[in-house]
Amino acid sequence: MSVSRSSANQCPYIEKLITCMGSNMPPRLRHAALCAAHSSQEALAFIDANMDLTNLSSAILTAVNPRPTDDDSDCFFHQLRDLCYLELVFALAKNLVWHQHLFEGGHIDRCSGIIAQSCKIQMSLPSFNNLQPHAFYLAGIFLRTTPEELSDTSLSSITEQLWWDIMRIAWSLAFLTIDNANCVKFLPVLVTRTDKYLLTSSTV
């Protein structure tokens, strides 16, 4: 099932997603609901602003937040689960309507919190075939939600070194997103903001 463009059909679907990603649900159900939201990311990105975006945002975060469990997929950082999550948030960040919910709902803090672990894992993967573009989506999320007139490193939770690491790795993994039209459209922004960052760094 996917979300419809019709407001009448959106409400029941959103309510089901929110319920299935609830904190009282088992990890597998929450993660399955996250995958469903990921499959509907384009529609969700431009969903009717009158929808319950606050609770939907909260539910999406709940789907990836770890809880005491024996399920390995509910750990703090899980490559496949968090790739799905980051792709979804990256898509939502296209719409300014979502920015407030991403900040106030804890998503930007969540993304900031997994930078170091994501970079560490990517650098230590044993095979080229195991690479995943987490860094690309992380960079995209921060750039899309940070006004261009502000410093790209103005997010207080991200150090200068972490920001440089995420940008460098984002470029090295960008080729993995070539089949994603949303990512290809974002490349000019990545080029411009990287150039700005490099110029800023060189004058410090």
N, C-alpha and C. Protein backbone atom coordinates (compact mmCIF):
# COMPACT_ATOMS: atom_id res chain seq x y z
N MET A 1 0.84 -1.20 0.00
CA MET A 1 0.00 0.00 0.00
C MET A 1 0.87 1.24 0.00
N SER A 2 0.50 2.26 -0.77
CA SER A 2 1.24 3.51 -0.80
C SER A 2 0.30 4.68 -0.60
N VAL A 3 0.87 5.81 -0.21
CA VAL A 3 0.06 6.97 0.08
C VAL A 3 -0.48 7.58 -1.21
N SER A 4 -1.70 8.01 -1.17
CA SER A 4 -2.34 8.62 -2.33
C SER A 4 -2.18 10.13 -2.29
N ARG A 5 -2.28 10.76 -3.44
CA ARG A 5 -2.24 12.22 -3.51
C ARG A 5 -3.54 12.82 -3.00
N SER A 6 -4.58 12.00 -2.92
CA SER A 6 -5.88 12.47 -2.46
C SER A 6 -5.88 12.62 -0.94
N SER A 7 -6.29 13.79 -0.45
CA SER A 7 -6.33 14.04 0.99
C SER A 7 -7.25 13.06 1.71
N ALA A 8 -8.32 12.68 1.03
CA ALA A 8 -9.29 11.76 1.63
C ALA A 8 -8.67 10.40 1.89
N ASN A 9 -7.75 10.01 1.00
CA ASN A 9 -7.10 8.71 1.15
C ASN A 9 -5.83 8.76 1.98
N GLN A 10 -5.28 9.97 2.14
CA GLN A 10 -4.05 10.12 2.88
C GLN A 10 -4.22 9.85 4.37
N CYS A 11 -5.31 10.37 4.94
CA CYS A 11 -5.51 10.28 6.39
C CYS A 11 -5.45 8.85 6.93
N PRO A 12 -6.22 7.90 6.39
CA PRO A 12 -6.15 6.53 6.91
C PRO A 12 -4.77 5.92 6.79
N TYR A 13 -4.07 6.20 5.68
CA TYR A 13 -2.75 5.64 5.47
C TYR A 13 -1.76 6.21 6.49
N ILE A 14 -1.81 7.52 6.69
CA ILE A 14 -0.90 8.16 7.65
C ILE A 14 -1.17 7.64 9.05
N GLU A 15 -2.44 7.49 9.40
CA GLU A 15 -2.80 6.98 10.72
C GLU A 15 -2.25 5.57 10.93
N LYS A 16 -2.31 4.75 9.88
CA LYS A 16 -1.78 3.38 9.98
C LYS A 16 -0.26 3.40 10.15
N LEU A 17 0.41 4.27 9.41
CA LEU A 17 1.86 4.39 9.54
C LEU A 17 2.24 4.80 10.96
N ILE A 18 1.55 5.80 11.48
CA ILE A 18 1.84 6.30 12.82
C ILE A 18 1.64 5.21 13.86
N THR A 19 0.57 4.46 13.70
CA THR A 19 0.28 3.38 14.64
C THR A 19 1.35 2.29 14.58
N CYS A 20 1.72 1.88 13.37
CA CYS A 20 2.68 0.78 13.20
C CYS A 20 4.09 1.16 13.59
N MET A 21 4.41 2.46 13.59
CA MET A 21 5.74 2.89 14.01
C MET A 21 5.76 3.30 15.48
N GLY A 22 4.67 3.07 16.18
CA GLY A 22 4.57 3.45 17.58
C GLY A 22 5.57 2.73 18.47
N SER A 23 5.93 3.35 19.59
CA SER A 23 6.94 2.79 20.48
C SER A 23 6.52 1.48 21.13
N ASN A 24 5.22 1.20 21.13
CA ASN A 24 4.73 -0.05 21.72
C ASN A 24 4.73 -1.20 20.73
N MET A 25 5.15 -0.92 19.50
CA MET A 25 5.16 -1.97 18.47
C MET A 25 6.52 -2.67 18.44
N PRO A 26 6.54 -3.95 18.06
CA PRO A 26 7.82 -4.69 17.97
C PRO A 26 8.70 -4.11 16.87
N PRO A 27 10.01 -4.27 17.00
CA PRO A 27 10.94 -3.70 16.01
C PRO A 27 10.61 -4.04 14.57
N ARG A 28 10.29 -5.29 14.29
CA ARG A 28 10.05 -5.68 12.90
C ARG A 28 8.88 -4.93 12.28
N LEU A 29 7.84 -4.70 13.08
CA LEU A 29 6.68 -3.97 12.56
C LEU A 29 7.04 -2.50 12.35
N ARG A 30 7.75 -1.91 13.30
CA ARG A 30 8.16 -0.51 13.16
C ARG A 30 9.05 -0.33 11.92
N HIS A 31 9.97 -1.26 11.72
CA HIS A 31 10.87 -1.14 10.58
C HIS A 31 10.15 -1.40 9.26
N ALA A 32 9.17 -2.28 9.27
CA ALA A 32 8.38 -2.53 8.06
C ALA A 32 7.57 -1.28 7.70
N ALA A 33 7.05 -0.61 8.72
CA ALA A 33 6.29 0.63 8.49
C ALA A 33 7.22 1.73 7.98
N LEU A 34 8.45 1.75 8.49
CA LEU A 34 9.44 2.71 8.01
C LEU A 34 9.72 2.48 6.53
N CYS A 35 9.84 1.23 6.14
CA CYS A 35 10.07 0.88 4.73
C CYS A 35 8.88 1.32 3.87
N ALA A 36 7.68 1.18 4.41
CA ALA A 36 6.48 1.61 3.69
C ALA A 36 6.50 3.13 3.49
N ALA A 37 6.90 3.85 4.53
CA ALA A 37 7.00 5.30 4.43
C ALA A 37 8.08 5.68 3.42
N HIS A 38 9.18 4.93 3.42
CA HIS A 38 10.27 5.17 2.48
C HIS A 38 9.78 5.00 1.04
N SER A 39 8.97 3.99 0.81
CA SER A 39 8.43 3.73 -0.53
C SER A 39 7.51 4.86 -0.99
N SER A 40 6.94 5.59 -0.02
CA SER A 40 6.02 6.70 -0.33
C SER A 40 6.67 8.05 -0.10
N GLN A 41 8.00 8.09 -0.10
CA GLN A 41 8.71 9.30 0.32
C GLN A 41 8.36 10.53 -0.50
N GLU A 42 8.19 10.39 -1.81
CA GLU A 42 7.89 11.55 -2.64
C GLU A 42 6.52 12.13 -2.31
N ALA A 43 5.55 11.26 -2.11
CA ALA A 43 4.21 11.72 -1.74
C ALA A 43 4.20 12.32 -0.34
N LEU A 44 4.93 11.70 0.58
CA LEU A 44 4.98 12.21 1.95
C LEU A 44 5.69 13.56 2.01
N ALA A 45 6.67 13.76 1.14
CA ALA A 45 7.41 15.02 1.14
C ALA A 45 6.51 16.21 0.84
N PHE A 46 5.51 15.98 0.02
CA PHE A 46 4.62 17.08 -0.36
C PHE A 46 3.18 16.79 0.04
N ILE A 47 3.03 16.12 1.16
CA ILE A 47 1.72 15.78 1.68
C ILE A 47 1.00 17.05 2.12
N ASP A 48 -0.30 16.98 2.16
CA ASP A 48 -1.13 18.10 2.61
C ASP A 48 -0.63 18.60 3.96
N ALA A 49 -0.30 19.89 4.04
CA ALA A 49 0.23 20.47 5.28
C ALA A 49 -0.75 20.38 6.44
N ASN A 50 -2.02 20.13 6.13
CA ASN A 50 -3.02 20.00 7.20
C ASN A 50 -3.01 18.61 7.83
N MET A 51 -2.22 17.70 7.27
CA MET A 51 -2.11 16.38 7.85
C MET A 51 -1.35 16.47 9.18
N ASP A 52 -1.40 15.40 9.94
CA ASP A 52 -0.76 15.38 11.26
C ASP A 52 0.74 15.14 11.10
N LEU A 53 1.46 16.15 10.62
CA LEU A 53 2.88 16.00 10.35
C LEU A 53 3.69 15.85 11.63
N THR A 54 3.23 16.46 12.71
CA THR A 54 3.97 16.38 13.97
C THR A 54 4.03 14.94 14.47
N ASN A 55 2.89 14.27 14.50
CA ASN A 55 2.86 12.89 14.97
C ASN A 55 3.53 11.94 13.97
N LEU A 56 3.42 12.24 12.68
CA LEU A 56 4.09 11.41 11.68
C LEU A 56 5.60 11.53 11.83
N SER A 57 6.08 12.76 12.03
CA SER A 57 7.50 12.99 12.25
C SER A 57 7.99 12.24 13.48
N SER A 58 7.23 12.32 14.55
CA SER A 58 7.59 11.63 15.79
C SER A 58 7.61 10.11 15.59
N ALA A 59 6.65 9.60 14.84
CA ALA A 59 6.57 8.16 14.60
C ALA A 59 7.76 7.67 13.78
N ILE A 60 8.16 8.45 12.78
CA ILE A 60 9.31 8.08 11.95
C ILE A 60 10.57 7.97 12.80
N LEU A 61 10.74 8.91 13.73
CA LEU A 61 11.90 8.85 14.61
C LEU A 61 11.82 7.65 15.55
N THR A 62 10.63 7.38 16.04
CA THR A 62 10.43 6.23 16.93
C THR A 62 10.81 4.92 16.23
N ALA A 63 10.60 4.87 14.93
CA ALA A 63 10.89 3.65 14.17
C ALA A 63 12.36 3.28 14.19
N VAL A 64 13.23 4.28 14.38
CA VAL A 64 14.67 3.99 14.38
C VAL A 64 15.32 4.16 15.75
N ASN A 65 14.56 4.63 16.72
CA ASN A 65 15.12 4.79 18.05
C ASN A 65 15.26 3.43 18.72
N PRO A 66 16.41 3.14 19.27
CA PRO A 66 16.62 1.84 19.90
C PRO A 66 15.87 1.70 21.22
N ARG A 67 15.47 0.49 21.53
CA ARG A 67 14.85 0.16 22.80
C ARG A 67 15.53 -1.10 23.33
N PRO A 68 15.46 -1.36 24.64
CA PRO A 68 16.02 -2.61 25.15
C PRO A 68 15.38 -3.81 24.47
N THR A 69 16.14 -4.54 23.70
CA THR A 69 15.61 -5.65 22.93
C THR A 69 16.73 -6.59 22.51
N ASP A 70 16.39 -7.81 22.18
CA ASP A 70 17.36 -8.77 21.69
C ASP A 70 17.49 -8.72 20.18
N ASP A 71 16.70 -7.86 19.54
CA ASP A 71 16.70 -7.75 18.08
C ASP A 71 17.86 -6.86 17.64
N ASP A 72 18.81 -7.43 16.89
CA ASP A 72 19.98 -6.67 16.45
C ASP A 72 19.61 -5.48 15.57
N SER A 73 18.46 -5.57 14.89
CA SER A 73 18.06 -4.49 13.99
C SER A 73 17.58 -3.26 14.75
N ASP A 74 17.44 -3.37 16.08
CA ASP A 74 16.98 -2.24 16.88
C ASP A 74 18.13 -1.57 17.62
N CYS A 75 19.36 -1.80 17.15
CA CYS A 75 20.52 -1.18 17.76
C CYS A 75 20.56 0.31 17.39
N PHE A 76 21.50 1.05 17.97
CA PHE A 76 21.57 2.49 17.74
C PHE A 76 21.74 2.82 16.26
N PHE A 77 22.67 2.12 15.62
CA PHE A 77 22.89 2.36 14.19
C PHE A 77 22.88 1.03 13.46
N HIS A 78 21.96 0.92 12.50
CA HIS A 78 21.84 -0.31 11.70
C HIS A 78 21.92 0.13 10.24
N GLN A 79 22.86 -0.41 9.49
CA GLN A 79 23.14 0.10 8.14
C GLN A 79 21.92 0.16 7.23
N LEU A 80 21.20 -0.93 7.10
CA LEU A 80 20.07 -0.95 6.17
C LEU A 80 18.89 -0.14 6.69
N ARG A 81 18.59 -0.30 7.98
CA ARG A 81 17.47 0.45 8.56
C ARG A 81 17.72 1.95 8.46
N ASP A 82 18.94 2.38 8.82
CA ASP A 82 19.22 3.80 8.83
C ASP A 82 19.42 4.37 7.44
N LEU A 83 19.81 3.56 6.48
CA LEU A 83 19.86 4.02 5.10
C LEU A 83 18.44 4.34 4.63
N CYS A 84 17.51 3.48 4.94
CA CYS A 84 16.10 3.69 4.62
C CYS A 84 15.60 4.97 5.28
N TYR A 85 15.94 5.14 6.54
CA TYR A 85 15.54 6.34 7.31
C TYR A 85 16.13 7.60 6.70
N LEU A 86 17.42 7.59 6.39
CA LEU A 86 18.08 8.78 5.86
C LEU A 86 17.56 9.16 4.48
N GLU A 87 17.28 8.18 3.64
CA GLU A 87 16.70 8.46 2.33
C GLU A 87 15.34 9.13 2.48
N LEU A 88 14.56 8.66 3.45
CA LEU A 88 13.24 9.24 3.69
C LEU A 88 13.36 10.68 4.18
N VAL A 89 14.21 10.93 5.16
CA VAL A 89 14.38 12.28 5.70
C VAL A 89 14.95 13.22 4.64
N PHE A 90 15.87 12.71 3.82
CA PHE A 90 16.44 13.49 2.72
C PHE A 90 15.34 13.97 1.77
N ALA A 91 14.40 13.08 1.47
CA ALA A 91 13.28 13.43 0.59
C ALA A 91 12.35 14.44 1.27
N LEU A 92 12.06 14.25 2.54
CA LEU A 92 11.18 15.16 3.26
C LEU A 92 11.79 16.56 3.34
N ALA A 93 13.12 16.62 3.44
CA ALA A 93 13.81 17.90 3.59
C ALA A 93 13.71 18.77 2.35
N LYS A 94 13.23 18.22 1.24
CA LYS A 94 13.03 19.03 0.03
C LYS A 94 11.97 20.10 0.26
N ASN A 95 11.04 19.81 1.15
CA ASN A 95 9.90 20.69 1.36
C ASN A 95 10.11 21.50 2.63
N LEU A 96 10.07 22.83 2.50
CA LEU A 96 10.27 23.72 3.65
C LEU A 96 9.27 23.45 4.77
N VAL A 97 8.09 22.97 4.41
CA VAL A 97 7.06 22.68 5.40
C VAL A 97 7.55 21.66 6.43
N TRP A 98 8.44 20.76 5.99
CA TRP A 98 8.93 19.70 6.85
C TRP A 98 10.08 20.15 7.75
N HIS A 99 10.75 21.25 7.43
CA HIS A 99 11.96 21.62 8.15
C HIS A 99 11.73 21.79 9.64
N GLN A 100 10.68 22.49 10.01
CA GLN A 100 10.39 22.69 11.43
C GLN A 100 10.17 21.36 12.14
N HIS A 101 9.47 20.45 11.48
CA HIS A 101 9.20 19.15 12.09
C HIS A 101 10.47 18.32 12.21
N LEU A 102 11.38 18.47 11.25
CA LEU A 102 12.63 17.72 11.31
C LEU A 102 13.53 18.21 12.44
N PHE A 103 13.52 19.52 12.66
CA PHE A 103 14.30 20.08 13.77
C PHE A 103 13.64 19.79 15.12
N GLU A 104 12.38 20.19 15.25
CA GLU A 104 11.70 20.03 16.53
C GLU A 104 11.40 18.58 16.86
N GLY A 105 11.29 17.73 15.84
CA GLY A 105 11.00 16.33 16.07
C GLY A 105 12.22 15.49 16.42
N GLY A 106 13.41 16.11 16.39
CA GLY A 106 14.62 15.41 16.80
C GLY A 106 15.38 14.73 15.68
N HIS A 107 14.94 14.88 14.43
CA HIS A 107 15.61 14.19 13.32
C HIS A 107 17.00 14.75 13.03
N ILE A 108 17.15 16.07 13.10
CA ILE A 108 18.46 16.67 12.85
C ILE A 108 19.44 16.25 13.94
N ASP A 109 18.98 16.19 15.18
CA ASP A 109 19.84 15.71 16.26
C ASP A 109 20.20 14.25 16.05
N ARG A 110 19.24 13.45 15.61
CA ARG A 110 19.49 12.04 15.34
C ARG A 110 20.56 11.89 14.25
N CYS A 111 20.40 12.67 13.17
CA CYS A 111 21.36 12.61 12.07
C CYS A 111 22.75 13.05 12.54
N SER A 112 22.79 14.09 13.36
CA SER A 112 24.07 14.56 13.89
C SER A 112 24.73 13.48 14.73
N GLY A 113 23.90 12.75 15.47
CA GLY A 113 24.40 11.74 16.40
C GLY A 113 24.98 10.51 15.73
N ILE A 114 24.60 10.26 14.48
CA ILE A 114 25.10 9.04 13.82
C ILE A 114 26.20 9.32 12.80
N ILE A 115 26.62 10.58 12.68
CA ILE A 115 27.67 10.92 11.71
C ILE A 115 28.94 10.12 11.97
N ALA A 116 29.46 10.22 13.19
CA ALA A 116 30.74 9.58 13.51
C ALA A 116 30.70 8.08 13.28
N GLN A 117 29.61 7.44 13.73
CA GLN A 117 29.52 5.99 13.58
C GLN A 117 29.36 5.59 12.12
N SER A 118 28.59 6.38 11.38
CA SER A 118 28.41 6.11 9.96
C SER A 118 29.73 6.20 9.21
N CYS A 119 30.49 7.26 9.48
CA CYS A 119 31.78 7.44 8.81
C CYS A 119 32.74 6.32 9.19
N LYS A 120 32.75 5.95 10.46
CA LYS A 120 33.66 4.91 10.94
C LYS A 120 33.38 3.57 10.25
N ILE A 121 32.09 3.25 10.14
CA ILE A 121 31.70 1.99 9.51
C ILE A 121 32.07 1.97 8.04
N GLN A 122 31.81 3.08 7.35
CA GLN A 122 32.13 3.14 5.93
C GLN A 122 33.62 2.99 5.68
N MET A 123 34.44 3.53 6.57
CA MET A 123 35.88 3.47 6.40
C MET A 123 36.44 2.08 6.71
N SER A 124 35.67 1.28 7.45
CA SER A 124 36.17 -0.02 7.88
C SER A 124 35.53 -1.21 7.14
N LEU A 125 34.65 -0.92 6.18
CA LEU A 125 33.98 -2.00 5.47
C LEU A 125 35.00 -2.83 4.68
N PRO A 126 34.88 -4.15 4.72
CA PRO A 126 35.87 -5.02 4.09
C PRO A 126 35.79 -5.07 2.57
N SER A 127 34.64 -4.70 2.02
CA SER A 127 34.46 -4.85 0.57
C SER A 127 33.84 -3.60 -0.04
N PHE A 128 34.28 -3.28 -1.25
CA PHE A 128 33.71 -2.18 -2.03
C PHE A 128 32.21 -2.37 -2.22
N ASN A 129 31.77 -3.61 -2.34
CA ASN A 129 30.36 -3.93 -2.57
C ASN A 129 29.49 -3.66 -1.36
N ASN A 130 30.12 -3.46 -0.19
CA ASN A 130 29.36 -3.21 1.04
C ASN A 130 29.09 -1.73 1.29
N LEU A 131 29.64 -0.86 0.44
CA LEU A 131 29.49 0.58 0.66
C LEU A 131 28.02 1.00 0.55
N GLN A 132 27.64 1.93 1.41
CA GLN A 132 26.29 2.50 1.40
C GLN A 132 26.40 4.02 1.52
N PRO A 133 25.54 4.78 0.82
CA PRO A 133 25.69 6.24 0.77
C PRO A 133 25.07 7.00 1.96
N HIS A 134 25.26 6.50 3.17
CA HIS A 134 24.73 7.22 4.34
C HIS A 134 25.23 8.67 4.38
N ALA A 135 26.53 8.84 4.13
CA ALA A 135 27.13 10.17 4.22
C ALA A 135 26.53 11.14 3.21
N PHE A 136 26.21 10.66 2.03
CA PHE A 136 25.60 11.52 1.02
C PHE A 136 24.26 12.05 1.52
N TYR A 137 23.44 11.17 2.07
CA TYR A 137 22.13 11.59 2.56
C TYR A 137 22.25 12.49 3.78
N LEU A 138 23.21 12.20 4.65
CA LEU A 138 23.42 13.06 5.82
C LEU A 138 23.80 14.47 5.38
N ALA A 139 24.75 14.57 4.45
CA ALA A 139 25.15 15.89 3.95
C ALA A 139 23.97 16.59 3.30
N GLY A 140 23.19 15.85 2.53
CA GLY A 140 22.02 16.43 1.87
C GLY A 140 20.98 16.95 2.85
N ILE A 141 20.76 16.19 3.91
CA ILE A 141 19.79 16.61 4.93
C ILE A 141 20.22 17.92 5.58
N PHE A 142 21.50 17.99 5.97
CA PHE A 142 21.99 19.21 6.62
C PHE A 142 21.98 20.40 5.68
N LEU A 143 22.37 20.19 4.42
CA LEU A 143 22.40 21.30 3.47
C LEU A 143 21.00 21.77 3.11
N ARG A 144 20.06 20.84 3.03
CA ARG A 144 18.70 21.22 2.68
C ARG A 144 17.98 21.96 3.82
N THR A 145 18.37 21.68 5.03
CA THR A 145 17.67 22.28 6.18
C THR A 145 18.42 23.46 6.77
N THR A 146 19.61 23.77 6.22
CA THR A 146 20.39 24.92 6.70
C THR A 146 20.38 26.00 5.64
N PRO A 147 19.85 27.18 5.93
CA PRO A 147 19.81 28.26 4.93
C PRO A 147 21.20 28.56 4.39
N GLU A 148 21.28 28.82 3.10
CA GLU A 148 22.57 29.04 2.45
C GLU A 148 23.30 30.24 3.00
N GLU A 149 22.55 31.24 3.51
CA GLU A 149 23.20 32.44 4.00
C GLU A 149 23.89 32.19 5.35
N LEU A 150 23.56 31.06 5.99
CA LEU A 150 24.22 30.71 7.24
C LEU A 150 25.39 29.78 6.95
N SER A 151 26.31 29.71 7.90
CA SER A 151 27.44 28.81 7.74
C SER A 151 26.96 27.38 7.75
N ASP A 152 27.53 26.55 6.87
CA ASP A 152 27.17 25.14 6.83
C ASP A 152 27.55 24.42 8.11
N THR A 153 28.45 25.03 8.88
CA THR A 153 28.86 24.41 10.14
C THR A 153 28.17 25.07 11.33
N SER A 154 27.07 25.77 11.07
CA SER A 154 26.38 26.49 12.14
C SER A 154 25.58 25.57 13.05
N LEU A 155 25.39 24.31 12.64
CA LEU A 155 24.72 23.36 13.50
C LEU A 155 25.66 23.03 14.66
N SER A 156 25.28 23.47 15.86
CA SER A 156 26.18 23.41 17.01
C SER A 156 26.63 22.00 17.37
N SER A 157 25.83 21.00 17.01
CA SER A 157 26.17 19.63 17.39
C SER A 157 27.18 18.97 16.45
N ILE A 158 27.56 19.67 15.38
CA ILE A 158 28.49 19.11 14.40
C ILE A 158 29.80 19.89 14.45
N THR A 159 30.88 19.21 14.77
CA THR A 159 32.18 19.86 14.81
C THR A 159 32.69 20.09 13.40
N GLU A 160 33.68 20.97 13.29
CA GLU A 160 34.28 21.27 11.99
C GLU A 160 34.84 19.99 11.35
N GLN A 161 35.49 19.14 12.15
CA GLN A 161 36.08 17.93 11.62
C GLN A 161 35.03 16.95 11.14
N LEU A 162 33.93 16.80 11.91
CA LEU A 162 32.85 15.90 11.50
C LEU A 162 32.22 16.38 10.20
N TRP A 163 32.04 17.70 10.09
CA TRP A 163 31.43 18.24 8.88
C TRP A 163 32.31 17.98 7.66
N TRP A 164 33.62 18.18 7.85
CA TRP A 164 34.55 17.91 6.76
C TRP A 164 34.53 16.42 6.39
N ASP A 165 34.50 15.56 7.38
CA ASP A 165 34.47 14.11 7.13
C ASP A 165 33.23 13.72 6.33
N ILE A 166 32.07 14.27 6.73
CA ILE A 166 30.82 13.87 6.08
C ILE A 166 30.78 14.38 4.65
N MET A 167 31.30 15.57 4.41
CA MET A 167 31.31 16.11 3.04
C MET A 167 32.27 15.31 2.15
N ARG A 168 33.43 14.99 2.69
CA ARG A 168 34.42 14.24 1.91
C ARG A 168 33.90 12.85 1.54
N ILE A 169 33.31 12.17 2.52
CA ILE A 169 32.79 10.82 2.26
C ILE A 169 31.55 10.88 1.38
N ALA A 170 30.76 11.94 1.53
CA ALA A 170 29.57 12.10 0.68
C ALA A 170 29.96 12.14 -0.79
N TRP A 171 31.03 12.85 -1.10
CA TRP A 171 31.48 12.93 -2.49
C TRP A 171 32.01 11.58 -2.96
N SER A 172 32.71 10.87 -2.10
CA SER A 172 33.30 9.60 -2.51
C SER A 172 32.24 8.53 -2.74
N LEU A 173 31.04 8.72 -2.14
CA LEU A 173 29.98 7.73 -2.27
C LEU A 173 28.82 8.20 -3.14
N ALA A 174 28.95 9.40 -3.72
CA ALA A 174 27.85 9.96 -4.52
C ALA A 174 27.47 9.08 -5.69
N PHE A 175 28.44 8.35 -6.23
CA PHE A 175 28.16 7.49 -7.40
C PHE A 175 27.13 6.40 -7.08
N LEU A 176 26.97 6.08 -5.81
CA LEU A 176 26.01 5.04 -5.41
C LEU A 176 24.56 5.52 -5.54
N THR A 177 24.37 6.83 -5.71
CA THR A 177 23.02 7.40 -5.79
C THR A 177 22.64 7.79 -7.21
N ILE A 178 23.45 7.41 -8.19
CA ILE A 178 23.26 7.87 -9.56
C ILE A 178 21.92 7.46 -10.15
N ASP A 179 21.33 6.39 -9.64
CA ASP A 179 20.04 5.93 -10.15
C ASP A 179 18.86 6.61 -9.46
N ASN A 180 19.14 7.48 -8.50
CA ASN A 180 18.10 8.18 -7.76
C ASN A 180 17.98 9.59 -8.31
N ALA A 181 16.88 9.87 -9.02
CA ALA A 181 16.70 11.18 -9.66
C ALA A 181 16.73 12.31 -8.64
N ASN A 182 16.20 12.06 -7.46
CA ASN A 182 16.18 13.06 -6.40
C ASN A 182 17.60 13.45 -6.01
N CYS A 183 18.49 12.48 -5.97
CA CYS A 183 19.89 12.73 -5.61
C CYS A 183 20.62 13.47 -6.73
N VAL A 184 20.36 13.08 -7.96
CA VAL A 184 20.99 13.73 -9.11
C VAL A 184 20.61 15.21 -9.16
N LYS A 185 19.36 15.52 -8.89
CA LYS A 185 18.90 16.91 -8.87
C LYS A 185 19.56 17.71 -7.75
N PHE A 186 19.99 17.01 -6.71
CA PHE A 186 20.60 17.68 -5.57
C PHE A 186 22.08 17.99 -5.80
N LEU A 187 22.72 17.33 -6.76
CA LEU A 187 24.16 17.48 -6.98
C LEU A 187 24.61 18.94 -7.18
N PRO A 188 23.88 19.77 -7.95
CA PRO A 188 24.31 21.17 -8.10
C PRO A 188 24.38 21.90 -6.76
N VAL A 189 23.46 21.58 -5.86
CA VAL A 189 23.48 22.19 -4.52
C VAL A 189 24.72 21.73 -3.76
N LEU A 190 25.02 20.44 -3.86
CA LEU A 190 26.20 19.90 -3.19
C LEU A 190 27.47 20.54 -3.72
N VAL A 191 27.54 20.76 -5.03
CA VAL A 191 28.70 21.40 -5.64
C VAL A 191 28.86 22.82 -5.10
N THR A 192 27.78 23.59 -5.14
CA THR A 192 27.82 24.99 -4.72
C THR A 192 28.20 25.14 -3.25
N ARG A 193 27.57 24.32 -2.41
CA ARG A 193 27.83 24.45 -0.98
C ARG A 193 29.21 23.91 -0.59
N THR A 194 29.69 22.91 -1.31
CA THR A 194 31.04 22.41 -1.06
C THR A 194 32.06 23.48 -1.42
N ASP A 195 31.85 24.11 -2.56
CA ASP A 195 32.75 25.18 -3.00
C ASP A 195 32.76 26.31 -1.98
N LYS A 196 31.58 26.67 -1.48
CA LYS A 196 31.48 27.73 -0.48
C LYS A 196 32.22 27.33 0.79
N TYR A 197 32.07 26.09 1.20
CA TYR A 197 32.71 25.60 2.41
C TYR A 197 34.23 25.63 2.27
N LEU A 198 34.73 25.21 1.10
CA LEU A 198 36.16 25.19 0.87
C LEU A 198 36.74 26.60 0.86
N LEU A 199 36.00 27.54 0.27
CA LEU A 199 36.46 28.94 0.25
C LEU A 199 36.49 29.51 1.66
N THR A 200 35.45 29.18 2.45
CA THR A 200 35.37 29.65 3.83
C THR A 200 36.52 29.09 4.65
N SER A 201 36.79 27.81 4.47
CA SER A 201 37.86 27.14 5.23
C SER A 201 39.23 27.73 4.90
N SER A 202 39.41 28.08 3.62
CA SER A 202 40.72 28.57 3.19
C SER A 202 41.02 29.98 3.71
N THR A 203 39.97 30.69 4.14
CA THR A 203 40.18 32.06 4.64
C THR A 203 40.25 32.10 6.14
N VAL A 204 40.03 30.96 6.80
CA VAL A 204 40.06 30.91 8.27
C VAL A 204 41.51 30.76 8.73
